[in-house]
Amino acid sequence: MDTKTAIGSALIPQALRAGARYQCSVLSTPPATSTPANPVSPATHGGGMSRTERIVNIAGVLLPFVGFVVAVTLLWGRGVDAIDLAILVAMYIPVGFGVTIGYHRMLTHRSFQTYKPIEYGFAVLGSMALQGSVLDWVADHRKHHAHTDEEGDPHSPHVGHGSGLRGLWHAHTGWLFETHGQADWKRYARDLYEDRGMRRITRLFPLLALYSLMIPAALGWLLHGSLSGALTGFIWGGLVRVFFLHHVTWSINSICHFFGRRRFETDDRSTNVAWLALLSFGEAWHHNHHAFPRSAAHGLRWWEIDISRTMIGVMERLGLAWNVVRISTERQREKTVTAT
């Protein structure tokens, strides 16, 4: 088995639904991947989360939280300035796109095509979000779509762990210590598993995670010109940025399957949560996404803020993206039930 070390969570935000549950008949081309006729046993991943994986995931949850607490203390004592906040934003945006555009829309759902070096670049950025390796993230997410809110869903708030707060805890964080990174790569992410470059990026995940924390520290040292600047860069651009991006991503798993609005006919409990849309770069239009999983746009109305959709459009105009999957107004109307 390739080296797999998982830190943090998975999002997003997922497997292409099989049979009657797959809801993308609008497309003229089939999904890029599907579950093999004779799927490989999940034993490929050792039959469950190892103690080492669980410890690493606990550390991946707790360390950013500790960094956030320290950052709040510094903020209270005015131990932060515009440079530190600029480093946070400069890290949050590209790494966030690595998850939303790269891991999710491009690699999990094949919502558009691009050049192989760009695919690898997004996979590297997604790895730096500390939400797991590219193979783990994609396999978990495709499995989520194959079993949404049913037995087998890695992080549903409605199945296996009770309802209410217990279910929300499992979907938001608890699943990281039980099912995160356990989906079978050969079954749910065979296309990436057979890509030598993606396997290499997966093996490099621990190193990329380290770079994700060291780069903001280096920027802090360069811009502040001191070791204390390196420390605040590490805290704000590293730990605090990871903390924010983790919880935004985990909120898609939990809040966007519990609270919010629905307007399409789907056989799950996904919802749209408008107030999360900006920070999640459009991922919070999660009900739209479950209605049309391969759509490159999750915000389907003009006022539904979706920065990832905008960036994919820019890439398309620059000739860096093609075969962008769009859902027609007629198809949306066919699936619309009511605005609730």
C-alpha atoms as a PDB file:
ATOM      1  CA  MET A   1       0.000   0.000   0.000  1.00  0.00           C
ATOM      2  CA  ASP A   2       1.283   3.497  -0.785  1.00  0.00           C
ATOM      3  CA  THR A   3       2.156   5.646   2.203  1.00  0.00           C
ATOM      4  CA  LYS A   4      -0.984   7.310   3.542  1.00  0.00           C
ATOM      5  CA  THR A   5      -0.855   9.839   6.268  1.00  0.00           C
ATOM      6  CA  ALA A   6      -3.978  11.908   6.780  1.00  0.00           C
ATOM      7  CA  ILE A   7      -4.128  15.264   8.539  1.00  0.00           C
ATOM      8  CA  GLY A   8      -7.365  17.125   8.982  1.00  0.00           C
ATOM      9  CA  SER A   9     -10.529  16.296   7.191  1.00  0.00           C
ATOM     10  CA  ALA A  10     -12.220  15.767   3.958  1.00  0.00           C
ATOM     11  CA  LEU A  11     -14.994  18.271   2.192  1.00  0.00           C
ATOM     12  CA  ILE A  12     -15.790  18.750   0.753  1.00  0.00           C
ATOM     13  CA  PRO A  13     -16.732  18.382   0.297  1.00  0.00           C
ATOM     14  CA  GLN A  14     -17.380  12.007  -3.356  1.00  0.00           C
ATOM     15  CA  ALA A  15     -18.334   9.070  -5.602  1.00  0.00           C
ATOM     16  CA  LEU A  16     -20.371   9.374  -8.744  1.00  0.00           C
ATOM     17  CA  ARG A  17     -23.732   7.807  -7.937  1.00  0.00           C
ATOM     18  CA  ALA A  18     -24.356   4.426  -9.517  1.00  0.00           C
ATOM     19  CA  GLY A  19     -27.535   3.278 -11.236  1.00  0.00           C
ATOM     20  CA  ALA A  20     -30.732   5.108 -10.435  1.00  0.00           C
ATOM     21  CA  ARG A  21     -29.081   7.286  -7.809  1.00  0.00           C
ATOM     22  CA  TYR A  22     -26.693   8.896 -10.286  1.00  0.00           C
ATOM     23  CA  GLN A  23     -28.314  12.196 -11.232  1.00  0.00           C
ATOM     24  CA  CYS A  24     -26.339  13.613 -14.107  1.00  0.00           C
ATOM     25  CA  SER A  25     -28.239  12.272 -17.120  1.00  0.00           C
ATOM     26  CA  VAL A  26     -28.063  15.764 -18.632  1.00  0.00           C
ATOM     27  CA  LEU A  27     -24.474  15.131 -19.625  1.00  0.00           C
ATOM     28  CA  SER A  28     -23.619  13.999 -23.117  1.00  0.00           C
ATOM     29  CA  THR A  29     -20.496  12.192 -21.910  1.00  0.00           C
ATOM     30  CA  PRO A  30     -20.205   9.584 -19.148  1.00  0.00           C
ATOM     31  CA  PRO A  31     -18.354  10.212 -15.888  1.00  0.00           C
ATOM     32  CA  ALA A  32     -14.599   9.828 -16.103  1.00  0.00           C
ATOM     33  CA  THR A  33     -14.638   7.067 -13.497  1.00  0.00           C
ATOM     34  CA  SER A  34     -17.034   4.527 -12.127  1.00  0.00           C
ATOM     35  CA  THR A  35     -17.018   1.726  -9.634  1.00  0.00           C
ATOM     36  CA  PRO A  36     -15.370  -1.330 -11.206  1.00  0.00           C
ATOM     37  CA  ALA A  37     -17.570  -4.324 -11.940  1.00  0.00           C
ATOM     38  CA  ASN A  38     -15.474  -6.356  -9.525  1.00  0.00           C
ATOM     39  CA  PRO A  39     -14.485  -3.785  -6.924  1.00  0.00           C
ATOM     40  CA  VAL A  40     -11.344  -4.287  -4.949  1.00  0.00           C
ATOM     41  CA  SER A  41     -11.949  -5.122  -1.312  1.00  0.00           C
ATOM     42  CA  PRO A  42     -11.576  -2.257   1.192  1.00  0.00           C
ATOM     43  CA  ALA A  43      -8.908  -4.462   2.765  1.00  0.00           C
ATOM     44  CA  THR A  44      -6.613  -2.657   0.324  1.00  0.00           C
ATOM     45  CA  HIS A  45      -6.481  -0.023   3.059  1.00  0.00           C
ATOM     46  CA  GLY A  46      -5.770  -2.398   5.906  1.00  0.00           C
ATOM     47  CA  GLY A  47      -9.353  -3.014   7.025  1.00  0.00           C
ATOM     48  CA  GLY A  48      -9.704   0.137   9.127  1.00  0.00           C
ATOM     49  CA  MET A  49      -7.946   3.151  10.541  1.00  0.00           C
ATOM     50  CA  SER A  50      -4.633   2.362  12.192  1.00  0.00           C
ATOM     51  CA  ARG A  51      -3.587   3.780  15.543  1.00  0.00           C
ATOM     52  CA  THR A  52      -0.932   5.899  13.826  1.00  0.00           C
ATOM     53  CA  GLU A  53      -3.462   7.368  11.408  1.00  0.00           C
ATOM     54  CA  ARG A  54      -5.814   8.186  14.271  1.00  0.00           C
ATOM     55  CA  ILE A  55      -3.046   9.881  16.266  1.00  0.00           C
ATOM     56  CA  VAL A  56      -1.981  11.914  13.242  1.00  0.00           C
ATOM     57  CA  ASN A  57      -5.571  12.991  12.623  1.00  0.00           C
ATOM     58  CA  ILE A  58      -6.023  13.996  16.256  1.00  0.00           C
ATOM     59  CA  ALA A  59      -2.857  16.082  15.981  1.00  0.00           C
ATOM     60  CA  GLY A  60      -4.148  17.567  12.727  1.00  0.00           C
ATOM     61  CA  VAL A  61      -7.300  18.695  14.517  1.00  0.00           C
ATOM     62  CA  LEU A  62      -5.744  19.887  17.781  1.00  0.00           C
ATOM     63  CA  LEU A  63      -2.625  21.738  16.588  1.00  0.00           C
ATOM     64  CA  PRO A  64      -4.488  24.252  14.377  1.00  0.00           C
ATOM     65  CA  PHE A  65      -6.928  24.787  17.251  1.00  0.00           C
ATOM     66  CA  VAL A  66      -4.027  25.528  19.604  1.00  0.00           C
ATOM     67  CA  GLY A  67      -2.632  27.905  16.993  1.00  0.00           C
ATOM     68  CA  PHE A  68      -5.990  29.651  16.793  1.00  0.00           C
ATOM     69  CA  VAL A  69      -6.113  30.089  20.576  1.00  0.00           C
ATOM     70  CA  VAL A  70      -2.576  31.523  20.552  1.00  0.00           C
ATOM     71  CA  ALA A  71      -3.545  33.814  17.672  1.00  0.00           C
ATOM     72  CA  VAL A  72      -6.565  35.127  19.578  1.00  0.00           C
ATOM     73  CA  THR A  73      -4.249  35.852  22.511  1.00  0.00           C
ATOM     74  CA  LEU A  74      -1.861  37.724  20.212  1.00  0.00           C
ATOM     75  CA  LEU A  75      -4.739  39.622  18.657  1.00  0.00           C
ATOM     76  CA  TRP A  76      -5.967  40.641  22.102  1.00  0.00           C
ATOM     77  CA  GLY A  77      -2.478  41.906  22.889  1.00  0.00           C
ATOM     78  CA  ARG A  78      -2.140  43.461  19.418  1.00  0.00           C
ATOM     79  CA  GLY A  79       0.518  40.930  18.494  1.00  0.00           C
ATOM     80  CA  VAL A  80      -0.597  40.839  14.869  1.00  0.00           C
ATOM     81  CA  ASP A  81      -0.306  43.292  12.007  1.00  0.00           C
ATOM     82  CA  ALA A  82      -1.309  43.704   8.383  1.00  0.00           C
ATOM     83  CA  ILE A  83       1.613  41.570   7.198  1.00  0.00           C
ATOM     84  CA  ASP A  84       0.473  38.554   9.232  1.00  0.00           C
ATOM     85  CA  LEU A  85      -3.098  38.901   7.993  1.00  0.00           C
ATOM     86  CA  ALA A  86      -1.861  39.300   4.417  1.00  0.00           C
ATOM     87  CA  ILE A  87       0.112  36.057   4.766  1.00  0.00           C
ATOM     88  CA  LEU A  88      -3.033  34.331   6.058  1.00  0.00           C
ATOM     89  CA  VAL A  89      -5.083  35.501   3.066  1.00  0.00           C
ATOM     90  CA  ALA A  90      -2.265  34.772   0.595  1.00  0.00           C
ATOM     91  CA  MET A  91      -2.146  31.164   1.833  1.00  0.00           C
ATOM     92  CA  TYR A  92      -5.898  30.660   2.288  1.00  0.00           C
ATOM     93  CA  ILE A  93      -6.904  31.574  -1.259  1.00  0.00           C
ATOM     94  CA  PRO A  94      -4.658  29.330  -3.416  1.00  0.00           C
ATOM     95  CA  VAL A  95      -4.775  26.424  -0.984  1.00  0.00           C
ATOM     96  CA  GLY A  96      -8.558  26.792  -0.746  1.00  0.00           C
ATOM     97  CA  PHE A  97      -8.813  26.646  -4.541  1.00  0.00           C
ATOM     98  CA  GLY A  98      -6.642  23.538  -4.377  1.00  0.00           C
ATOM     99  CA  VAL A  99      -9.515  21.901  -2.496  1.00  0.00           C
ATOM    100  CA  THR A 100     -12.570  23.410  -4.181  1.00  0.00           C
ATOM    101  CA  ILE A 101     -11.370  23.530  -7.794  1.00  0.00           C
ATOM    102  CA  GLY A 102      -8.664  20.869  -7.676  1.00  0.00           C
ATOM    103  CA  TYR A 103      -9.579  18.087  -5.278  1.00  0.00           C
ATOM    104  CA  HIS A 104     -13.339  18.522  -5.636  1.00  0.00           C
ATOM    105  CA  ARG A 105     -14.622  19.787  -8.960  1.00  0.00           C
ATOM    106  CA  MET A 106     -11.752  18.748 -11.227  1.00  0.00           C
ATOM    107  CA  LEU A 107     -10.402  15.506  -9.748  1.00  0.00           C
ATOM    108  CA  THR A 108     -13.411  14.082  -7.900  1.00  0.00           C
ATOM    109  CA  HIS A 109     -16.184  15.002 -10.342  1.00  0.00           C
ATOM    110  CA  ARG A 110     -14.285  15.762 -13.562  1.00  0.00           C
ATOM    111  CA  SER A 111     -16.299  18.948 -14.044  1.00  0.00           C
ATOM    112  CA  PHE A 112     -13.753  20.230 -16.540  1.00  0.00           C
ATOM    113  CA  GLN A 113     -10.521  19.203 -18.199  1.00  0.00           C
ATOM    114  CA  THR A 114      -7.155  20.901 -18.174  1.00  0.00           C
ATOM    115  CA  TYR A 115      -3.495  20.213 -18.868  1.00  0.00           C
ATOM    116  CA  LYS A 116      -1.825  17.521 -16.780  1.00  0.00           C
ATOM    117  CA  PRO A 117       0.692  19.907 -15.126  1.00  0.00           C
ATOM    118  CA  ILE A 118      -2.222  22.079 -13.967  1.00  0.00           C
ATOM    119  CA  GLU A 119      -3.947  18.992 -12.548  1.00  0.00           C
ATOM    120  CA  TYR A 120      -0.809  18.168 -10.601  1.00  0.00           C
ATOM    121  CA  GLY A 121      -0.467  21.761  -9.455  1.00  0.00           C
ATOM    122  CA  PHE A 122      -3.989  21.774  -8.034  1.00  0.00           C
ATOM    123  CA  ALA A 123      -3.348  18.399  -6.384  1.00  0.00           C
ATOM    124  CA  VAL A 124      -0.274  19.865  -4.661  1.00  0.00           C
ATOM    125  CA  LEU A 125      -2.241  22.914  -3.473  1.00  0.00           C
ATOM    126  CA  GLY A 126      -5.048  20.697  -2.223  1.00  0.00           C
ATOM    127  CA  SER A 127      -2.528  18.613  -0.295  1.00  0.00           C
ATOM    128  CA  MET A 128      -1.325  21.778   1.413  1.00  0.00           C
ATOM    129  CA  ALA A 129      -4.800  22.252   2.908  1.00  0.00           C
ATOM    130  CA  LEU A 130      -3.923  19.393   5.298  1.00  0.00           C
ATOM    131  CA  GLN A 131      -7.195  17.603   4.594  1.00  0.00           C
ATOM    132  CA  GLY A 132      -5.590  14.374   3.461  1.00  0.00           C
ATOM    133  CA  SER A 133      -3.724  13.166   0.397  1.00  0.00           C
ATOM    134  CA  VAL A 134      -5.286  13.552  -3.033  1.00  0.00           C
ATOM    135  CA  LEU A 135      -6.143   9.837  -3.292  1.00  0.00           C
ATOM    136  CA  ASP A 136      -7.679   9.750   0.181  1.00  0.00           C
ATOM    137  CA  TRP A 137      -9.719  12.911  -0.337  1.00  0.00           C
ATOM    138  CA  VAL A 138     -11.102  11.930  -3.733  1.00  0.00           C
ATOM    139  CA  ALA A 139     -11.902   8.348  -2.697  1.00  0.00           C
ATOM    140  CA  ASP A 140     -13.667   9.497   0.476  1.00  0.00           C
ATOM    141  CA  HIS A 141     -15.651  12.105  -1.424  1.00  0.00           C
ATOM    142  CA  ARG A 142     -16.763   9.776  -4.179  1.00  0.00           C
ATOM    143  CA  LYS A 143     -17.813   7.259  -1.533  1.00  0.00           C
ATOM    144  CA  HIS A 144     -19.837  10.022   0.133  1.00  0.00           C
ATOM    145  CA  HIS A 145     -21.703  10.596  -3.126  1.00  0.00           C
ATOM    146  CA  ALA A 146     -22.267   6.875  -3.654  1.00  0.00           C
ATOM    147  CA  HIS A 147     -23.902   6.513  -0.209  1.00  0.00           C
ATOM    148  CA  THR A 148     -25.048  10.006   0.728  1.00  0.00           C
ATOM    149  CA  ASP A 149     -26.867  10.005   4.062  1.00  0.00           C
ATOM    150  CA  GLU A 150     -27.071   6.197   3.977  1.00  0.00           C
ATOM    151  CA  GLU A 151     -24.994   3.424   5.511  1.00  0.00           C
ATOM    152  CA  GLY A 152     -21.542   3.676   3.984  1.00  0.00           C
ATOM    153  CA  ASP A 153     -21.406   7.478   3.914  1.00  0.00           C
ATOM    154  CA  PRO A 154     -18.118   8.389   5.640  1.00  0.00           C
ATOM    155  CA  HIS A 155     -19.483  11.572   7.217  1.00  0.00           C
ATOM    156  CA  SER A 156     -23.263  11.822   7.249  1.00  0.00           C
ATOM    157  CA  PRO A 157     -24.851  13.531  10.288  1.00  0.00           C
ATOM    158  CA  HIS A 158     -27.876  11.247   9.911  1.00  0.00           C
ATOM    159  CA  VAL A 159     -26.473   7.699   9.822  1.00  0.00           C
ATOM    160  CA  GLY A 160     -24.755   5.504  12.380  1.00  0.00           C
ATOM    161  CA  HIS A 161     -24.069   8.036  15.129  1.00  0.00           C
ATOM    162  CA  GLY A 162     -27.516   9.122  16.210  1.00  0.00           C
ATOM    163  CA  SER A 163     -29.100  12.414  15.261  1.00  0.00           C
ATOM    164  CA  GLY A 164     -28.904  15.981  16.473  1.00  0.00           C
ATOM    165  CA  LEU A 165     -25.645  17.103  18.055  1.00  0.00           C
ATOM    166  CA  ARG A 166     -24.081  13.629  18.009  1.00  0.00           C
ATOM    167  CA  GLY A 167     -24.662  13.337  14.280  1.00  0.00           C
ATOM    168  CA  LEU A 168     -23.366  16.859  13.664  1.00  0.00           C
ATOM    169  CA  TRP A 169     -20.225  16.113  15.701  1.00  0.00           C
ATOM    170  CA  HIS A 170     -19.552  12.966  13.676  1.00  0.00           C
ATOM    171  CA  ALA A 171     -20.032  14.751  10.330  1.00  0.00           C
ATOM    172  CA  HIS A 172     -17.969  17.754  11.383  1.00  0.00           C
ATOM    173  CA  THR A 173     -15.042  16.162  13.211  1.00  0.00           C
ATOM    174  CA  GLY A 174     -15.725  12.716  14.661  1.00  0.00           C
ATOM    175  CA  TRP A 175     -15.457  10.912  11.336  1.00  0.00           C
ATOM    176  CA  LEU A 176     -11.795  11.949  11.125  1.00  0.00           C
ATOM    177  CA  PHE A 177     -11.018   9.430  13.860  1.00  0.00           C
ATOM    178  CA  GLU A 178     -13.039   6.585  12.327  1.00  0.00           C
ATOM    179  CA  THR A 179     -13.576   6.611   8.564  1.00  0.00           C
ATOM    180  CA  HIS A 180     -11.366   9.358   7.127  1.00  0.00           C
ATOM    181  CA  GLY A 181      -9.016   8.086   4.445  1.00  0.00           C
ATOM    182  CA  GLN A 182     -10.404   4.538   4.546  1.00  0.00           C
ATOM    183  CA  ALA A 183     -12.229   4.463   1.184  1.00  0.00           C
ATOM    184  CA  ASP A 184     -10.612   2.013  -1.221  1.00  0.00           C
ATOM    185  CA  TRP A 185      -8.497   3.875  -3.759  1.00  0.00           C
ATOM    186  CA  LYS A 186      -8.860   1.210  -6.453  1.00  0.00           C
ATOM    187  CA  ARG A 187     -12.634   1.190  -6.126  1.00  0.00           C
ATOM    188  CA  TYR A 188     -13.395   4.897  -5.730  1.00  0.00           C
ATOM    189  CA  ALA A 189     -10.381   6.609  -7.313  1.00  0.00           C
ATOM    190  CA  ARG A 190      -8.995   4.137  -9.813  1.00  0.00           C
ATOM    191  CA  ASP A 191      -8.278   6.848 -12.391  1.00  0.00           C
ATOM    192  CA  LEU A 192      -6.015   8.677  -9.933  1.00  0.00           C
ATOM    193  CA  TYR A 193      -4.535   5.463  -8.558  1.00  0.00           C
ATOM    194  CA  GLU A 194      -3.401   4.550 -12.069  1.00  0.00           C
ATOM    195  CA  ASP A 195      -1.833   8.000 -12.568  1.00  0.00           C
ATOM    196  CA  ARG A 196       1.828   7.804 -11.570  1.00  0.00           C
ATOM    197  CA  GLY A 197       1.980  11.536 -10.875  1.00  0.00           C
ATOM    198  CA  MET A 198      -1.009  11.429  -8.523  1.00  0.00           C
ATOM    199  CA  ARG A 199       0.456   8.459  -6.673  1.00  0.00           C
ATOM    200  CA  ARG A 200       3.691  10.372  -6.237  1.00  0.00           C
ATOM    201  CA  ILE A 201       1.863  13.453  -4.913  1.00  0.00           C
ATOM    202  CA  THR A 202       0.019  11.165  -2.506  1.00  0.00           C
ATOM    203  CA  ARG A 203       3.308   9.744  -1.208  1.00  0.00           C
ATOM    204  CA  LEU A 204       4.640  13.281  -0.806  1.00  0.00           C
ATOM    205  CA  PHE A 205       1.668  14.401   1.296  1.00  0.00           C
ATOM    206  CA  PRO A 206       3.565  14.565   4.634  1.00  0.00           C
ATOM    207  CA  LEU A 207       6.257  16.725   3.022  1.00  0.00           C
ATOM    208  CA  LEU A 208       3.684  18.974   1.356  1.00  0.00           C
ATOM    209  CA  ALA A 209       1.912  19.354   4.696  1.00  0.00           C
ATOM    210  CA  LEU A 210       5.209  20.507   6.216  1.00  0.00           C
ATOM    211  CA  TYR A 211       5.764  22.985   3.374  1.00  0.00           C
ATOM    212  CA  SER A 212       2.248  24.313   3.973  1.00  0.00           C
ATOM    213  CA  LEU A 213       3.343  25.428   7.446  1.00  0.00           C
ATOM    214  CA  MET A 214       6.921  26.427   6.649  1.00  0.00           C
ATOM    215  CA  ILE A 215       6.110  28.684   3.687  1.00  0.00           C
ATOM    216  CA  PRO A 216       4.125  31.206   5.787  1.00  0.00           C
ATOM    217  CA  ALA A 217       6.861  31.077   8.431  1.00  0.00           C
ATOM    218  CA  ALA A 218       9.436  31.906   5.752  1.00  0.00           C
ATOM    219  CA  LEU A 219       7.246  34.730   4.447  1.00  0.00           C
ATOM    220  CA  GLY A 220       6.927  36.113   7.970  1.00  0.00           C
ATOM    221  CA  TRP A 221      10.696  36.051   8.406  1.00  0.00           C
ATOM    222  CA  LEU A 222      11.301  37.742   5.043  1.00  0.00           C
ATOM    223  CA  LEU A 223       8.644  40.432   5.448  1.00  0.00           C
ATOM    224  CA  HIS A 224       9.191  41.158   9.144  1.00  0.00           C
ATOM    225  CA  GLY A 225      12.928  40.548   9.081  1.00  0.00           C
ATOM    226  CA  SER A 226      12.918  38.733  12.427  1.00  0.00           C
ATOM    227  CA  LEU A 227      12.400  35.358  14.053  1.00  0.00           C
ATOM    228  CA  SER A 228       9.350  36.711  15.862  1.00  0.00           C
ATOM    229  CA  GLY A 229       7.959  37.575  12.433  1.00  0.00           C
ATOM    230  CA  ALA A 230       8.586  34.003  11.338  1.00  0.00           C
ATOM    231  CA  LEU A 231       6.653  32.811  14.381  1.00  0.00           C
ATOM    232  CA  THR A 232       3.640  35.043  13.760  1.00  0.00           C
ATOM    233  CA  GLY A 233       3.707  34.098  10.061  1.00  0.00           C
ATOM    234  CA  PHE A 234       3.677  30.440  11.086  1.00  0.00           C
ATOM    235  CA  ILE A 235       0.776  31.006  13.482  1.00  0.00           C
ATOM    236  CA  TRP A 236      -1.434  33.151  11.240  1.00  0.00           C
ATOM    237  CA  GLY A 237      -0.541  31.947   7.756  1.00  0.00           C
ATOM    238  CA  GLY A 238      -0.034  28.364   8.912  1.00  0.00           C
ATOM    239  CA  LEU A 239      -2.048  27.160  11.895  1.00  0.00           C
ATOM    240  CA  VAL A 240      -4.857  29.736  11.864  1.00  0.00           C
ATOM    241  CA  ARG A 241      -5.301  29.394   8.096  1.00  0.00           C
ATOM    242  CA  VAL A 242      -5.487  25.585   8.439  1.00  0.00           C
ATOM    243  CA  PHE A 243      -7.966  25.964  11.318  1.00  0.00           C
ATOM    244  CA  PHE A 244     -10.284  28.231   9.318  1.00  0.00           C
ATOM    245  CA  LEU A 245     -10.127  26.149   6.140  1.00  0.00           C
ATOM    246  CA  HIS A 246     -10.677  22.921   8.073  1.00  0.00           C
ATOM    247  CA  HIS A 247     -13.802  24.193   9.770  1.00  0.00           C
ATOM    248  CA  VAL A 248     -15.204  25.732   6.608  1.00  0.00           C
ATOM    249  CA  THR A 249     -14.713  22.405   4.850  1.00  0.00           C
ATOM    250  CA  TRP A 250     -16.109  20.370   7.747  1.00  0.00           C
ATOM    251  CA  SER A 251     -19.144  22.656   7.843  1.00  0.00           C
ATOM    252  CA  ILE A 252     -20.026  21.503   4.338  1.00  0.00           C
ATOM    253  CA  ASN A 253     -20.104  17.926   5.663  1.00  0.00           C
ATOM    254  CA  SER A 254     -22.160  18.809   8.738  1.00  0.00           C
ATOM    255  CA  ILE A 255     -24.132  22.057   8.464  1.00  0.00           C
ATOM    256  CA  CYS A 256     -24.862  21.606   4.746  1.00  0.00           C
ATOM    257  CA  HIS A 257     -26.538  18.274   5.483  1.00  0.00           C
ATOM    258  CA  PHE A 258     -28.532  19.561   8.442  1.00  0.00           C
ATOM    259  CA  PHE A 259     -29.539  23.232   8.157  1.00  0.00           C
ATOM    260  CA  GLY A 260     -30.346  25.353   5.128  1.00  0.00           C
ATOM    261  CA  ARG A 261     -32.573  25.437   2.049  1.00  0.00           C
ATOM    262  CA  ARG A 262     -33.445  22.943  -0.684  1.00  0.00           C
ATOM    263  CA  ARG A 263     -35.102  23.400  -4.065  1.00  0.00           C
ATOM    264  CA  PHE A 264     -34.276  20.297  -6.109  1.00  0.00           C
ATOM    265  CA  GLU A 265     -35.558  16.746  -5.939  1.00  0.00           C
ATOM    266  CA  THR A 266     -32.721  14.683  -4.453  1.00  0.00           C
ATOM    267  CA  ASP A 267     -32.683  11.500  -2.381  1.00  0.00           C
ATOM    268  CA  ASP A 268     -30.375  12.901   0.302  1.00  0.00           C
ATOM    269  CA  ARG A 269     -30.582  15.659   2.916  1.00  0.00           C
ATOM    270  CA  SER A 270     -28.099  18.139   1.444  1.00  0.00           C
ATOM    271  CA  THR A 271     -28.799  21.852   1.815  1.00  0.00           C
ATOM    272  CA  ASN A 272     -27.651  25.250   0.549  1.00  0.00           C
ATOM    273  CA  VAL A 273     -26.210  27.557   3.212  1.00  0.00           C
ATOM    274  CA  ALA A 274     -25.758  31.057   1.794  1.00  0.00           C
ATOM    275  CA  TRP A 275     -23.716  32.547   4.650  1.00  0.00           C
ATOM    276  CA  LEU A 276     -20.973  29.950   4.095  1.00  0.00           C
ATOM    277  CA  ALA A 277     -20.687  30.564   0.348  1.00  0.00           C
ATOM    278  CA  LEU A 278     -18.002  33.247   0.368  1.00  0.00           C
ATOM    279  CA  LEU A 279     -15.557  31.578   2.760  1.00  0.00           C
ATOM    280  CA  SER A 280     -16.063  28.186   1.089  1.00  0.00           C
ATOM    281  CA  PHE A 281     -15.512  29.612  -2.406  1.00  0.00           C
ATOM    282  CA  GLY A 282     -18.978  28.429  -3.467  1.00  0.00           C
ATOM    283  CA  GLU A 283     -18.965  24.956  -1.907  1.00  0.00           C
ATOM    284  CA  ALA A 284     -21.821  25.838   0.461  1.00  0.00           C
ATOM    285  CA  TRP A 285     -24.317  25.619  -2.411  1.00  0.00           C
ATOM    286  CA  HIS A 286     -24.119  21.977  -1.478  1.00  0.00           C
ATOM    287  CA  HIS A 287     -27.683  20.994  -2.324  1.00  0.00           C
ATOM    288  CA  ASN A 288     -27.170  22.323  -5.852  1.00  0.00           C
ATOM    289  CA  HIS A 289     -24.038  20.214  -6.030  1.00  0.00           C
ATOM    290  CA  HIS A 290     -25.811  17.037  -4.931  1.00  0.00           C
ATOM    291  CA  ALA A 291     -28.545  17.659  -7.476  1.00  0.00           C
ATOM    292  CA  PHE A 292     -25.953  18.022 -10.254  1.00  0.00           C
ATOM    293  CA  PRO A 293     -22.671  16.495  -9.013  1.00  0.00           C
ATOM    294  CA  ARG A 294     -20.657  17.062 -12.184  1.00  0.00           C
ATOM    295  CA  SER A 295     -21.581  20.704 -12.623  1.00  0.00           C
ATOM    296  CA  ALA A 296     -18.538  22.987 -12.566  1.00  0.00           C
ATOM    297  CA  ALA A 297     -20.757  25.621 -10.950  1.00  0.00           C
ATOM    298  CA  HIS A 298     -22.289  25.036  -7.544  1.00  0.00           C
ATOM    299  CA  GLY A 299     -23.896  28.463  -7.472  1.00  0.00           C
ATOM    300  CA  LEU A 300     -26.513  28.037 -10.189  1.00  0.00           C
ATOM    301  CA  ARG A 301     -28.186  31.438  -9.878  1.00  0.00           C
ATOM    302  CA  TRP A 302     -26.434  34.713 -10.689  1.00  0.00           C
ATOM    303  CA  TRP A 303     -26.592  35.848  -7.068  1.00  0.00           C
ATOM    304  CA  GLU A 304     -25.285  32.577  -5.615  1.00  0.00           C
ATOM    305  CA  ILE A 305     -21.679  33.554  -4.884  1.00  0.00           C
ATOM    306  CA  ASP A 306     -19.313  30.930  -6.235  1.00  0.00           C
ATOM    307  CA  ILE A 307     -15.731  32.141  -6.592  1.00  0.00           C
ATOM    308  CA  SER A 308     -14.583  28.710  -7.774  1.00  0.00           C
ATOM    309  CA  ARG A 309     -17.081  28.896 -10.650  1.00  0.00           C
ATOM    310  CA  THR A 310     -15.644  32.297 -11.556  1.00  0.00           C
ATOM    311  CA  MET A 311     -12.070  31.017 -11.515  1.00  0.00           C
ATOM    312  CA  ILE A 312     -12.953  28.034 -13.716  1.00  0.00           C
ATOM    313  CA  GLY A 313     -14.591  30.481 -16.141  1.00  0.00           C
ATOM    314  CA  VAL A 314     -11.403  32.567 -16.210  1.00  0.00           C
ATOM    315  CA  MET A 315      -9.356  29.434 -16.871  1.00  0.00           C
ATOM    316  CA  GLU A 316     -11.710  28.532 -19.727  1.00  0.00           C
ATOM    317  CA  ARG A 317     -11.361  31.975 -21.327  1.00  0.00           C
ATOM    318  CA  LEU A 318      -7.588  31.682 -21.071  1.00  0.00           C
ATOM    319  CA  GLY A 319      -7.625  28.299 -22.766  1.00  0.00           C
ATOM    320  CA  LEU A 320      -6.593  26.489 -19.581  1.00  0.00           C
ATOM    321  CA  ALA A 321      -9.889  24.630 -19.105  1.00  0.00           C
ATOM    322  CA  TRP A 322     -12.249  22.956 -21.531  1.00  0.00           C
ATOM    323  CA  ASN A 323     -15.232  20.575 -21.583  1.00  0.00           C
ATOM    324  CA  VAL A 324     -16.621  22.568 -18.656  1.00  0.00           C
ATOM    325  CA  VAL A 325     -19.826  20.883 -17.465  1.00  0.00           C
ATOM    326  CA  ARG A 326     -22.794  23.236 -17.243  1.00  0.00           C
ATOM    327  CA  ILE A 327     -26.412  22.508 -16.320  1.00  0.00           C
ATOM    328  CA  SER A 328     -29.090  24.027 -18.516  1.00  0.00           C
ATOM    329  CA  THR A 329     -31.915  26.109 -17.092  1.00  0.00           C
ATOM    330  CA  GLU A 330     -34.376  23.557 -18.470  1.00  0.00           C
ATOM    331  CA  ARG A 331     -32.680  20.698 -16.634  1.00  0.00           C
ATOM    332  CA  GLN A 332     -32.696  22.701 -13.416  1.00  0.00           C
ATOM    333  CA  ARG A 333     -36.380  23.460 -13.856  1.00  0.00           C
ATOM    334  CA  GLU A 334     -37.168  19.760 -14.322  1.00  0.00           C
ATOM    335  CA  LYS A 335     -35.611  18.913 -10.958  1.00  0.00           C
ATOM    336  CA  THR A 336     -36.979  21.898  -9.056  1.00  0.00           C
ATOM    337  CA  VAL A 337     -39.518  21.002  -6.385  1.00  0.00           C
ATOM    338  CA  THR A 338     -39.996  24.159  -4.348  1.00  0.00           C
ATOM    339  CA  ALA A 339     -37.910  26.882  -2.776  1.00  0.00           C
ATOM    340  CA  THR A 340     -37.905  26.049   0.920  1.00  0.00           C
END
